[in-house]
Amino acid sequence: MSVPASSQRLLAFDPGVTPKSGGLPGLDVLTKVVDSINLFGIIAVVGALCVSGVVWAWGHHSGSHGTEAKGKQGALISAGCALLLGAANGIVVFASNLGTQVH
């Protein structure tokens, strides 16, 4: 079944929507809020990493292999969260640039 040429042009319509900086009021405030949330998350991850290190050491020195494993797991998860928080802007920019190449 073939689609008529007029319908094909309708499917390929480009609405011309692109992100624009400063288009809405309050964009600066929203940016500051998101920056603050990211900073809060990074501070929380530092705390979680410290607690995980203490649990890891406690488990190692007390001979509790389960506690030691949980400390290691917490340290790895904290490091992964720090990586994601630090790279969040770059990941979004990469995905956005990749999305603009789709035609």
N, C-alpha and C. Protein backbone atom coordinates (compact mmCIF):
# COMPACT_ATOMS: atom_id res chain seq x y z
N MET A 1 0.85 -1.18 0.00
CA MET A 1 0.00 0.00 0.00
C MET A 1 0.90 1.24 0.00
N SER A 2 0.73 2.09 -0.97
CA SER A 2 1.57 3.28 -1.07
C SER A 2 0.82 4.49 -0.53
N VAL A 3 1.60 5.42 0.02
CA VAL A 3 1.04 6.65 0.58
C VAL A 3 1.17 7.74 -0.47
N PRO A 4 0.08 8.50 -0.74
CA PRO A 4 0.16 9.57 -1.73
C PRO A 4 1.22 10.61 -1.34
N ALA A 5 1.76 11.30 -2.34
CA ALA A 5 2.83 12.29 -2.12
C ALA A 5 2.37 13.43 -1.22
N SER A 6 1.12 13.83 -1.28
CA SER A 6 0.63 14.93 -0.44
C SER A 6 0.66 14.52 1.04
N SER A 7 0.37 13.27 1.35
CA SER A 7 0.42 12.78 2.73
C SER A 7 1.86 12.68 3.21
N GLN A 8 2.77 12.32 2.30
CA GLN A 8 4.17 12.22 2.68
C GLN A 8 4.72 13.58 3.08
N ARG A 9 4.31 14.64 2.41
CA ARG A 9 4.76 15.98 2.78
C ARG A 9 4.24 16.37 4.15
N LEU A 10 3.03 15.95 4.48
CA LEU A 10 2.47 16.25 5.79
C LEU A 10 3.26 15.55 6.89
N LEU A 11 3.69 14.33 6.65
CA LEU A 11 4.44 13.58 7.64
C LEU A 11 5.82 14.20 7.87
N ALA A 12 6.37 14.87 6.87
CA ALA A 12 7.70 15.44 6.96
C ALA A 12 7.68 16.91 7.35
N PHE A 13 6.58 17.42 7.87
CA PHE A 13 6.46 18.83 8.24
C PHE A 13 7.38 19.17 9.40
N ASP A 14 8.16 20.24 9.27
CA ASP A 14 9.06 20.70 10.32
C ASP A 14 8.39 21.86 11.05
N PRO A 15 8.05 21.69 12.34
CA PRO A 15 7.38 22.78 13.06
C PRO A 15 8.30 23.95 13.36
N GLY A 16 9.62 23.77 13.27
CA GLY A 16 10.56 24.86 13.49
C GLY A 16 10.75 25.25 14.95
N VAL A 17 10.53 24.32 15.86
CA VAL A 17 10.67 24.60 17.28
C VAL A 17 12.11 24.33 17.71
N THR A 18 12.76 25.35 18.31
CA THR A 18 14.11 25.19 18.83
C THR A 18 14.18 25.83 20.22
N PRO A 19 15.00 25.31 21.13
CA PRO A 19 15.14 25.91 22.45
C PRO A 19 15.71 27.33 22.33
N LYS A 20 15.14 28.25 23.11
CA LYS A 20 15.59 29.64 23.07
C LYS A 20 15.85 30.11 24.49
N SER A 21 17.03 30.64 24.71
CA SER A 21 17.38 31.16 26.02
C SER A 21 16.66 32.48 26.29
N GLY A 22 16.12 32.63 27.47
CA GLY A 22 15.46 33.87 27.84
C GLY A 22 14.06 34.02 27.29
N GLY A 23 13.45 32.93 26.86
CA GLY A 23 12.12 33.01 26.27
C GLY A 23 11.01 33.20 27.29
N LEU A 24 11.20 32.73 28.52
CA LEU A 24 10.17 32.83 29.55
C LEU A 24 10.70 33.59 30.75
N PRO A 25 9.83 34.30 31.43
CA PRO A 25 10.28 34.96 32.66
C PRO A 25 10.54 33.91 33.74
N GLY A 26 11.53 34.18 34.57
CA GLY A 26 11.84 33.26 35.66
C GLY A 26 12.84 32.18 35.30
N LEU A 27 13.38 32.24 34.08
CA LEU A 27 14.35 31.22 33.66
C LEU A 27 15.62 31.29 34.50
N ASP A 28 16.06 32.48 34.85
CA ASP A 28 17.24 32.63 35.70
C ASP A 28 17.01 32.02 37.08
N VAL A 29 15.82 32.22 37.62
CA VAL A 29 15.49 31.66 38.94
C VAL A 29 15.47 30.14 38.87
N LEU A 30 14.87 29.60 37.82
CA LEU A 30 14.80 28.15 37.66
C LEU A 30 16.20 27.56 37.53
N THR A 31 17.08 28.22 36.79
CA THR A 31 18.45 27.76 36.64
C THR A 31 19.16 27.75 37.99
N LYS A 32 18.96 28.78 38.80
CA LYS A 32 19.59 28.84 40.12
C LYS A 32 19.05 27.74 41.03
N VAL A 33 17.76 27.45 40.93
CA VAL A 33 17.16 26.39 41.75
C VAL A 33 17.76 25.04 41.38
N VAL A 34 17.88 24.76 40.08
CA VAL A 34 18.43 23.49 39.65
C VAL A 34 19.91 23.39 40.05
N ASP A 35 20.66 24.48 39.93
CA ASP A 35 22.05 24.49 40.38
C ASP A 35 22.15 24.19 41.87
N SER A 36 21.24 24.76 42.65
CA SER A 36 21.25 24.53 44.09
C SER A 36 20.90 23.08 44.43
N ILE A 37 19.96 22.51 43.70
CA ILE A 37 19.60 21.10 43.91
C ILE A 37 20.79 20.20 43.59
N ASN A 38 21.51 20.53 42.51
CA ASN A 38 22.69 19.75 42.14
C ASN A 38 23.76 19.86 43.22
N LEU A 39 23.97 21.06 43.75
CA LEU A 39 24.95 21.25 44.83
C LEU A 39 24.55 20.47 46.07
N PHE A 40 23.27 20.52 46.42
CA PHE A 40 22.77 19.77 47.57
C PHE A 40 23.01 18.27 47.38
N GLY A 41 22.76 17.77 46.16
CA GLY A 41 22.99 16.36 45.87
C GLY A 41 24.45 15.99 46.00
N ILE A 42 25.35 16.85 45.52
CA ILE A 42 26.78 16.56 45.63
C ILE A 42 27.22 16.53 47.09
N ILE A 43 26.72 17.46 47.90
CA ILE A 43 27.05 17.48 49.33
C ILE A 43 26.52 16.22 50.01
N ALA A 44 25.31 15.80 49.65
CA ALA A 44 24.74 14.57 50.22
C ALA A 44 25.57 13.35 49.82
N VAL A 45 26.08 13.33 48.59
CA VAL A 45 26.90 12.21 48.14
C VAL A 45 28.22 12.17 48.91
N VAL A 46 28.80 13.33 49.19
CA VAL A 46 30.03 13.36 49.99
C VAL A 46 29.77 12.76 51.37
N GLY A 47 28.65 13.13 51.97
CA GLY A 47 28.28 12.55 53.27
C GLY A 47 28.06 11.05 53.19
N ALA A 48 27.38 10.60 52.14
CA ALA A 48 27.13 9.17 51.97
C ALA A 48 28.43 8.41 51.76
N LEU A 49 29.37 9.03 51.03
CA LEU A 49 30.66 8.38 50.82
C LEU A 49 31.44 8.27 52.12
N CYS A 50 31.37 9.29 52.95
CA CYS A 50 32.05 9.24 54.26
C CYS A 50 31.44 8.15 55.15
N VAL A 51 30.12 8.10 55.20
CA VAL A 51 29.45 7.07 56.01
C VAL A 51 29.79 5.68 55.48
N SER A 52 29.79 5.52 54.16
CA SER A 52 30.11 4.21 53.57
C SER A 52 31.53 3.80 53.90
N GLY A 53 32.46 4.77 53.90
CA GLY A 53 33.84 4.46 54.26
C GLY A 53 33.94 4.00 55.70
N VAL A 54 33.21 4.65 56.60
CA VAL A 54 33.22 4.24 58.01
C VAL A 54 32.62 2.84 58.16
N VAL A 55 31.52 2.56 57.47
CA VAL A 55 30.89 1.23 57.55
C VAL A 55 31.83 0.17 56.99
N TRP A 56 32.50 0.50 55.89
CA TRP A 56 33.46 -0.42 55.28
C TRP A 56 34.59 -0.75 56.27
N ALA A 57 35.15 0.30 56.88
CA ALA A 57 36.24 0.09 57.84
C ALA A 57 35.76 -0.67 59.07
N TRP A 58 34.58 -0.31 59.57
CA TRP A 58 34.02 -0.99 60.74
C TRP A 58 33.85 -2.48 60.44
N GLY A 59 33.27 -2.79 59.29
CA GLY A 59 33.06 -4.19 58.92
C GLY A 59 34.36 -4.94 58.76
N HIS A 60 35.36 -4.27 58.22
CA HIS A 60 36.66 -4.92 58.02
C HIS A 60 37.33 -5.23 59.36
N HIS A 61 37.33 -4.26 60.26
CA HIS A 61 38.03 -4.43 61.53
C HIS A 61 37.25 -5.28 62.54
N SER A 62 35.93 -5.38 62.36
CA SER A 62 35.15 -6.21 63.28
C SER A 62 34.97 -7.63 62.77
N GLY A 63 35.40 -7.88 61.54
CA GLY A 63 35.28 -9.23 60.97
C GLY A 63 33.90 -9.52 60.41
N SER A 64 33.08 -8.51 60.26
CA SER A 64 31.73 -8.69 59.70
C SER A 64 31.79 -8.48 58.19
N HIS A 65 31.80 -9.59 57.48
CA HIS A 65 31.95 -9.51 56.02
C HIS A 65 30.73 -8.88 55.35
N GLY A 66 29.56 -9.08 55.93
CA GLY A 66 28.36 -8.48 55.37
C GLY A 66 28.39 -6.96 55.48
N THR A 67 28.81 -6.47 56.65
CA THR A 67 28.91 -5.03 56.84
C THR A 67 29.99 -4.44 55.94
N GLU A 68 31.08 -5.14 55.80
CA GLU A 68 32.16 -4.67 54.91
C GLU A 68 31.66 -4.59 53.47
N ALA A 69 30.90 -5.60 53.04
CA ALA A 69 30.36 -5.61 51.68
C ALA A 69 29.38 -4.45 51.47
N LYS A 70 28.56 -4.17 52.47
CA LYS A 70 27.61 -3.05 52.36
C LYS A 70 28.34 -1.71 52.29
N GLY A 71 29.45 -1.59 53.03
CA GLY A 71 30.25 -0.38 52.95
C GLY A 71 30.86 -0.19 51.58
N LYS A 72 31.37 -1.26 51.00
CA LYS A 72 31.92 -1.20 49.64
C LYS A 72 30.83 -0.82 48.64
N GLN A 73 29.67 -1.44 48.80
CA GLN A 73 28.55 -1.17 47.90
C GLN A 73 28.13 0.30 48.00
N GLY A 74 28.06 0.82 49.22
CA GLY A 74 27.70 2.22 49.41
C GLY A 74 28.73 3.16 48.80
N ALA A 75 30.01 2.80 48.91
CA ALA A 75 31.06 3.63 48.32
C ALA A 75 30.95 3.66 46.79
N LEU A 76 30.69 2.51 46.20
CA LEU A 76 30.55 2.45 44.74
C LEU A 76 29.32 3.21 44.27
N ILE A 77 28.21 3.06 44.99
CA ILE A 77 26.99 3.77 44.62
C ILE A 77 27.19 5.28 44.77
N SER A 78 27.85 5.69 45.84
CA SER A 78 28.12 7.12 46.04
C SER A 78 29.00 7.68 44.92
N ALA A 79 30.01 6.92 44.53
CA ALA A 79 30.87 7.36 43.43
C ALA A 79 30.09 7.47 42.13
N GLY A 80 29.21 6.51 41.87
CA GLY A 80 28.37 6.56 40.67
C GLY A 80 27.43 7.75 40.67
N CYS A 81 26.84 8.04 41.83
CA CYS A 81 25.96 9.21 41.95
C CYS A 81 26.74 10.51 41.73
N ALA A 82 27.95 10.58 42.28
CA ALA A 82 28.78 11.77 42.07
C ALA A 82 29.11 11.94 40.60
N LEU A 83 29.39 10.84 39.92
CA LEU A 83 29.67 10.89 38.49
C LEU A 83 28.48 11.42 37.72
N LEU A 84 27.29 10.91 38.03
CA LEU A 84 26.08 11.36 37.33
C LEU A 84 25.76 12.82 37.63
N LEU A 85 25.89 13.23 38.88
CA LEU A 85 25.61 14.62 39.23
C LEU A 85 26.59 15.58 38.55
N GLY A 86 27.86 15.20 38.52
CA GLY A 86 28.85 16.05 37.90
C GLY A 86 28.71 16.10 36.39
N ALA A 87 28.25 15.02 35.79
CA ALA A 87 28.14 14.95 34.33
C ALA A 87 26.74 15.24 33.83
N ALA A 88 25.81 15.61 34.71
CA ALA A 88 24.41 15.80 34.31
C ALA A 88 24.27 16.80 33.17
N ASN A 89 24.91 17.95 33.29
CA ASN A 89 24.80 18.97 32.25
C ASN A 89 25.37 18.47 30.94
N GLY A 90 26.53 17.82 30.99
CA GLY A 90 27.15 17.29 29.77
C GLY A 90 26.32 16.21 29.11
N ILE A 91 25.69 15.35 29.92
CA ILE A 91 24.85 14.29 29.37
C ILE A 91 23.64 14.89 28.64
N VAL A 92 23.02 15.89 29.26
CA VAL A 92 21.85 16.52 28.64
C VAL A 92 22.25 17.26 27.36
N VAL A 93 23.37 17.96 27.39
CA VAL A 93 23.84 18.67 26.19
C VAL A 93 24.14 17.66 25.08
N PHE A 94 24.82 16.56 25.42
CA PHE A 94 25.13 15.53 24.43
C PHE A 94 23.86 14.98 23.80
N ALA A 95 22.89 14.61 24.65
CA ALA A 95 21.64 14.04 24.13
C ALA A 95 20.86 15.06 23.31
N SER A 96 20.86 16.31 23.74
CA SER A 96 20.17 17.36 22.99
C SER A 96 20.81 17.57 21.63
N ASN A 97 22.14 17.61 21.59
CA ASN A 97 22.84 17.76 20.30
C ASN A 97 22.60 16.56 19.40
N LEU A 98 22.56 15.38 19.99
CA LEU A 98 22.28 14.18 19.22
C LEU A 98 20.86 14.23 18.66
N GLY A 99 19.93 14.73 19.47
CA GLY A 99 18.54 14.84 19.01
C GLY A 99 18.35 15.83 17.89
N THR A 100 19.17 16.88 17.83
CA THR A 100 19.03 17.86 16.76
C THR A 100 19.50 17.30 15.42
N GLN A 101 20.25 16.21 15.44
CA GLN A 101 20.74 15.62 14.20
C GLN A 101 19.74 14.66 13.57
N VAL A 102 18.66 14.34 14.26
CA VAL A 102 17.63 13.44 13.73
C VAL A 102 16.79 14.22 12.74
N HIS A 103 16.62 13.66 11.56
CA HIS A 103 15.81 14.32 10.52
C HIS A 103 14.72 13.40 10.05
